[in-house]
Amino acid sequence: MELSEYSADKKKEYQDAAIELLHVLASTTYKAPIGNNGNFLLMHSVGSIPHKVEIDGPLVYADYYFLEGLTRYHRTIKGESALAN
């Protein structure tokens, strides 16, 4: 969503890609059922494959960026800038 704010000629393309990504993350493939996954929102997150750490588990910063993306999407559909005030 943020990238769409910086590129007028590709704004719609970037917004569509962001919306698609949010839909995938909100699907049952990645969003954990309430009360499962240690109460984290997202499953199957990855910290660093090359370093072999935080592979296929919950990550607090993955949840943070998911919520940030949803917040920016909400601002966009209200006709506001996706960027924080």
N, C-alpha and C. Protein backbone atom coordinates (compact mmCIF):
# COMPACT_ATOMS: atom_id res chain seq x y z
N MET A 1 0.82 -1.19 0.00
CA MET A 1 0.00 0.00 0.00
C MET A 1 0.87 1.26 0.00
N GLU A 2 1.91 1.23 0.79
CA GLU A 2 2.76 2.42 0.85
C GLU A 2 3.41 2.70 -0.49
N LEU A 3 3.88 1.67 -1.16
CA LEU A 3 4.53 1.86 -2.45
C LEU A 3 3.61 2.54 -3.45
N SER A 4 2.32 2.26 -3.38
CA SER A 4 1.37 2.88 -4.32
C SER A 4 1.30 4.40 -4.14
N GLU A 5 1.67 4.89 -2.96
CA GLU A 5 1.65 6.32 -2.69
C GLU A 5 2.80 7.05 -3.39
N TYR A 6 3.84 6.31 -3.77
CA TYR A 6 5.02 6.92 -4.35
C TYR A 6 5.09 6.80 -5.86
N SER A 7 4.17 6.08 -6.46
CA SER A 7 4.23 5.82 -7.90
C SER A 7 2.86 6.03 -8.53
N ALA A 8 2.62 7.22 -9.04
CA ALA A 8 1.31 7.55 -9.61
C ALA A 8 0.97 6.66 -10.80
N ASP A 9 1.96 6.35 -11.63
CA ASP A 9 1.68 5.57 -12.83
C ASP A 9 1.42 4.09 -12.55
N LYS A 10 1.84 3.60 -11.39
CA LYS A 10 1.61 2.19 -11.03
C LYS A 10 0.78 2.05 -9.76
N LYS A 11 0.12 3.13 -9.36
CA LYS A 11 -0.64 3.14 -8.11
C LYS A 11 -1.62 1.97 -8.02
N LYS A 12 -2.45 1.80 -9.04
CA LYS A 12 -3.46 0.74 -9.03
C LYS A 12 -2.81 -0.64 -9.01
N GLU A 13 -1.76 -0.80 -9.78
CA GLU A 13 -1.04 -2.09 -9.82
C GLU A 13 -0.51 -2.47 -8.44
N TYR A 14 0.11 -1.50 -7.76
CA TYR A 14 0.66 -1.76 -6.43
C TYR A 14 -0.44 -2.00 -5.40
N GLN A 15 -1.52 -1.24 -5.49
CA GLN A 15 -2.64 -1.45 -4.57
C GLN A 15 -3.25 -2.84 -4.77
N ASP A 16 -3.45 -3.23 -6.01
CA ASP A 16 -4.01 -4.55 -6.30
C ASP A 16 -3.13 -5.67 -5.76
N ALA A 17 -1.82 -5.52 -5.92
CA ALA A 17 -0.88 -6.53 -5.41
C ALA A 17 -0.95 -6.60 -3.87
N ALA A 18 -1.03 -5.45 -3.22
CA ALA A 18 -1.11 -5.40 -1.76
C ALA A 18 -2.40 -6.05 -1.27
N ILE A 19 -3.50 -5.75 -1.94
CA ILE A 19 -4.79 -6.32 -1.55
C ILE A 19 -4.78 -7.84 -1.73
N GLU A 20 -4.21 -8.31 -2.82
CA GLU A 20 -4.11 -9.75 -3.04
C GLU A 20 -3.29 -10.42 -1.94
N LEU A 21 -2.17 -9.80 -1.58
CA LEU A 21 -1.33 -10.33 -0.51
C LEU A 21 -2.08 -10.39 0.81
N LEU A 22 -2.83 -9.34 1.14
CA LEU A 22 -3.61 -9.35 2.38
C LEU A 22 -4.66 -10.45 2.37
N HIS A 23 -5.29 -10.68 1.22
CA HIS A 23 -6.28 -11.76 1.12
C HIS A 23 -5.63 -13.13 1.34
N VAL A 24 -4.46 -13.32 0.79
CA VAL A 24 -3.76 -14.59 0.98
C VAL A 24 -3.39 -14.78 2.45
N LEU A 25 -2.85 -13.74 3.07
CA LEU A 25 -2.47 -13.85 4.49
C LEU A 25 -3.68 -14.05 5.39
N ALA A 26 -4.84 -13.53 5.00
CA ALA A 26 -6.06 -13.68 5.80
C ALA A 26 -6.78 -15.00 5.54
N SER A 27 -6.26 -15.79 4.60
CA SER A 27 -6.89 -17.08 4.28
C SER A 27 -6.57 -18.10 5.38
N THR A 28 -7.27 -19.21 5.33
CA THR A 28 -7.04 -20.27 6.33
C THR A 28 -5.66 -20.91 6.20
N THR A 29 -4.98 -20.68 5.09
CA THR A 29 -3.62 -21.20 4.92
C THR A 29 -2.64 -20.52 5.87
N TYR A 30 -2.83 -19.23 6.11
CA TYR A 30 -1.87 -18.47 6.92
C TYR A 30 -2.44 -17.89 8.22
N LYS A 31 -3.72 -17.57 8.26
CA LYS A 31 -4.28 -16.98 9.48
C LYS A 31 -4.68 -18.09 10.43
N ALA A 32 -4.16 -18.02 11.63
CA ALA A 32 -4.41 -19.06 12.62
C ALA A 32 -5.83 -18.93 13.19
N PRO A 33 -6.44 -20.07 13.50
CA PRO A 33 -7.73 -20.01 14.21
C PRO A 33 -7.55 -19.33 15.57
N ILE A 34 -8.56 -18.63 16.01
CA ILE A 34 -8.49 -17.93 17.29
C ILE A 34 -8.17 -18.91 18.41
N GLY A 35 -7.21 -18.53 19.24
CA GLY A 35 -6.82 -19.36 20.38
C GLY A 35 -5.75 -20.39 20.07
N ASN A 36 -5.36 -20.52 18.82
CA ASN A 36 -4.29 -21.45 18.43
C ASN A 36 -3.03 -20.67 18.09
N ASN A 37 -1.97 -21.39 17.78
CA ASN A 37 -0.73 -20.78 17.30
C ASN A 37 -0.13 -19.81 18.33
N GLY A 38 -0.29 -20.15 19.61
CA GLY A 38 0.23 -19.28 20.67
C GLY A 38 -0.42 -17.91 20.68
N ASN A 39 -1.64 -17.82 20.15
CA ASN A 39 -2.40 -16.57 20.02
C ASN A 39 -1.78 -15.57 19.05
N PHE A 40 -0.88 -16.03 18.20
CA PHE A 40 -0.39 -15.20 17.11
C PHE A 40 -1.41 -15.23 15.98
N LEU A 41 -1.42 -14.22 15.14
CA LEU A 41 -2.37 -14.16 14.03
C LEU A 41 -1.96 -15.04 12.87
N LEU A 42 -0.68 -14.98 12.50
CA LEU A 42 -0.22 -15.66 11.30
C LEU A 42 0.61 -16.90 11.62
N MET A 43 0.39 -17.93 10.80
CA MET A 43 1.19 -19.15 10.88
C MET A 43 2.19 -19.15 9.72
N HIS A 44 3.16 -20.01 9.79
CA HIS A 44 4.10 -20.26 8.70
C HIS A 44 4.98 -19.05 8.36
N SER A 45 5.30 -18.25 9.33
CA SER A 45 6.18 -17.11 9.09
C SER A 45 7.63 -17.58 9.06
N VAL A 46 8.48 -16.77 8.42
CA VAL A 46 9.89 -17.13 8.29
C VAL A 46 10.74 -15.90 8.61
N GLY A 47 11.69 -16.07 9.50
CA GLY A 47 12.61 -14.99 9.84
C GLY A 47 13.77 -14.92 8.87
N SER A 48 14.54 -16.01 8.75
CA SER A 48 15.71 -16.01 7.87
C SER A 48 16.02 -17.43 7.42
N ILE A 49 15.74 -17.70 6.17
CA ILE A 49 16.06 -19.02 5.61
C ILE A 49 17.57 -19.23 5.54
N PRO A 50 18.36 -18.24 5.04
CA PRO A 50 19.82 -18.48 4.96
C PRO A 50 20.46 -18.79 6.32
N HIS A 51 19.91 -18.18 7.39
CA HIS A 51 20.47 -18.40 8.72
C HIS A 51 19.79 -19.55 9.45
N LYS A 52 18.76 -20.11 8.81
CA LYS A 52 18.02 -21.25 9.37
C LYS A 52 17.46 -20.93 10.76
N VAL A 53 16.86 -19.74 10.89
CA VAL A 53 16.23 -19.37 12.15
C VAL A 53 14.79 -18.89 11.88
N GLU A 54 13.96 -19.12 12.83
CA GLU A 54 12.56 -18.69 12.77
C GLU A 54 11.90 -19.18 11.47
N ILE A 55 11.92 -20.48 11.27
CA ILE A 55 11.35 -21.08 10.07
C ILE A 55 9.99 -21.70 10.40
N ASP A 56 8.96 -21.30 9.65
CA ASP A 56 7.62 -21.88 9.75
C ASP A 56 7.04 -21.83 11.16
N GLY A 57 7.04 -20.64 11.72
CA GLY A 57 6.47 -20.47 13.05
C GLY A 57 5.85 -19.09 13.19
N PRO A 58 5.29 -18.80 14.33
CA PRO A 58 4.72 -17.47 14.55
C PRO A 58 5.82 -16.45 14.86
N LEU A 59 5.64 -15.24 14.34
CA LEU A 59 6.59 -14.15 14.61
C LEU A 59 5.81 -12.89 14.95
N VAL A 60 6.19 -12.23 16.01
CA VAL A 60 5.48 -11.03 16.42
C VAL A 60 5.56 -9.95 15.34
N TYR A 61 6.69 -9.83 14.67
CA TYR A 61 6.79 -8.78 13.65
C TYR A 61 6.02 -9.13 12.38
N ALA A 62 5.77 -10.39 12.13
CA ALA A 62 4.90 -10.76 11.00
C ALA A 62 3.47 -10.30 11.29
N ASP A 63 3.01 -10.53 12.52
CA ASP A 63 1.68 -10.06 12.91
C ASP A 63 1.60 -8.53 12.84
N TYR A 64 2.65 -7.86 13.30
CA TYR A 64 2.67 -6.40 13.26
C TYR A 64 2.51 -5.89 11.83
N TYR A 65 3.30 -6.43 10.90
CA TYR A 65 3.22 -5.93 9.52
C TYR A 65 1.91 -6.32 8.85
N PHE A 66 1.32 -7.44 9.23
CA PHE A 66 0.01 -7.81 8.72
C PHE A 66 -1.03 -6.78 9.18
N LEU A 67 -1.01 -6.45 10.45
CA LEU A 67 -1.95 -5.45 10.98
C LEU A 67 -1.69 -4.07 10.38
N GLU A 68 -0.45 -3.73 10.17
CA GLU A 68 -0.11 -2.46 9.54
C GLU A 68 -0.66 -2.42 8.11
N GLY A 69 -0.52 -3.51 7.39
CA GLY A 69 -1.07 -3.59 6.05
C GLY A 69 -2.58 -3.45 6.03
N LEU A 70 -3.25 -4.10 6.98
CA LEU A 70 -4.71 -3.98 7.07
C LEU A 70 -5.12 -2.55 7.40
N THR A 71 -4.37 -1.91 8.26
CA THR A 71 -4.67 -0.51 8.63
C THR A 71 -4.52 0.40 7.41
N ARG A 72 -3.47 0.21 6.65
CA ARG A 72 -3.25 1.03 5.46
C ARG A 72 -4.30 0.74 4.39
N TYR A 73 -4.71 -0.51 4.28
CA TYR A 73 -5.79 -0.86 3.35
C TYR A 73 -7.09 -0.16 3.77
N HIS A 74 -7.38 -0.18 5.04
CA HIS A 74 -8.59 0.48 5.55
C HIS A 74 -8.56 1.98 5.24
N ARG A 75 -7.41 2.61 5.44
CA ARG A 75 -7.29 4.04 5.10
C ARG A 75 -7.55 4.27 3.62
N THR A 76 -7.02 3.38 2.78
CA THR A 76 -7.16 3.52 1.33
C THR A 76 -8.62 3.42 0.91
N ILE A 77 -9.36 2.45 1.44
CA ILE A 77 -10.75 2.28 1.02
C ILE A 77 -11.62 3.41 1.56
N LYS A 78 -11.15 4.14 2.56
CA LYS A 78 -11.87 5.32 3.04
C LYS A 78 -11.50 6.56 2.24
N GLY A 79 -10.59 6.41 1.26
CA GLY A 79 -10.18 7.53 0.42
C GLY A 79 -9.07 8.35 1.02
N GLU A 80 -8.44 7.85 2.07
CA GLU A 80 -7.33 8.55 2.71
C GLU A 80 -6.00 8.03 2.19
N SER A 81 -4.94 8.72 2.54
CA SER A 81 -3.60 8.25 2.22
C SER A 81 -3.31 6.99 3.03
N ALA A 82 -2.63 6.02 2.43
CA ALA A 82 -2.25 4.80 3.15
C ALA A 82 -1.17 5.07 4.19
N LEU A 83 -0.47 6.19 4.03
CA LEU A 83 0.63 6.52 4.95
C LEU A 83 0.08 7.05 6.27
N ALA A 84 0.83 6.80 7.31
CA ALA A 84 0.45 7.28 8.64
C ALA A 84 0.50 8.79 8.68
N ASN A 85 -0.36 9.37 9.45
CA ASN A 85 -0.41 10.84 9.58
C ASN A 85 0.75 11.35 10.39
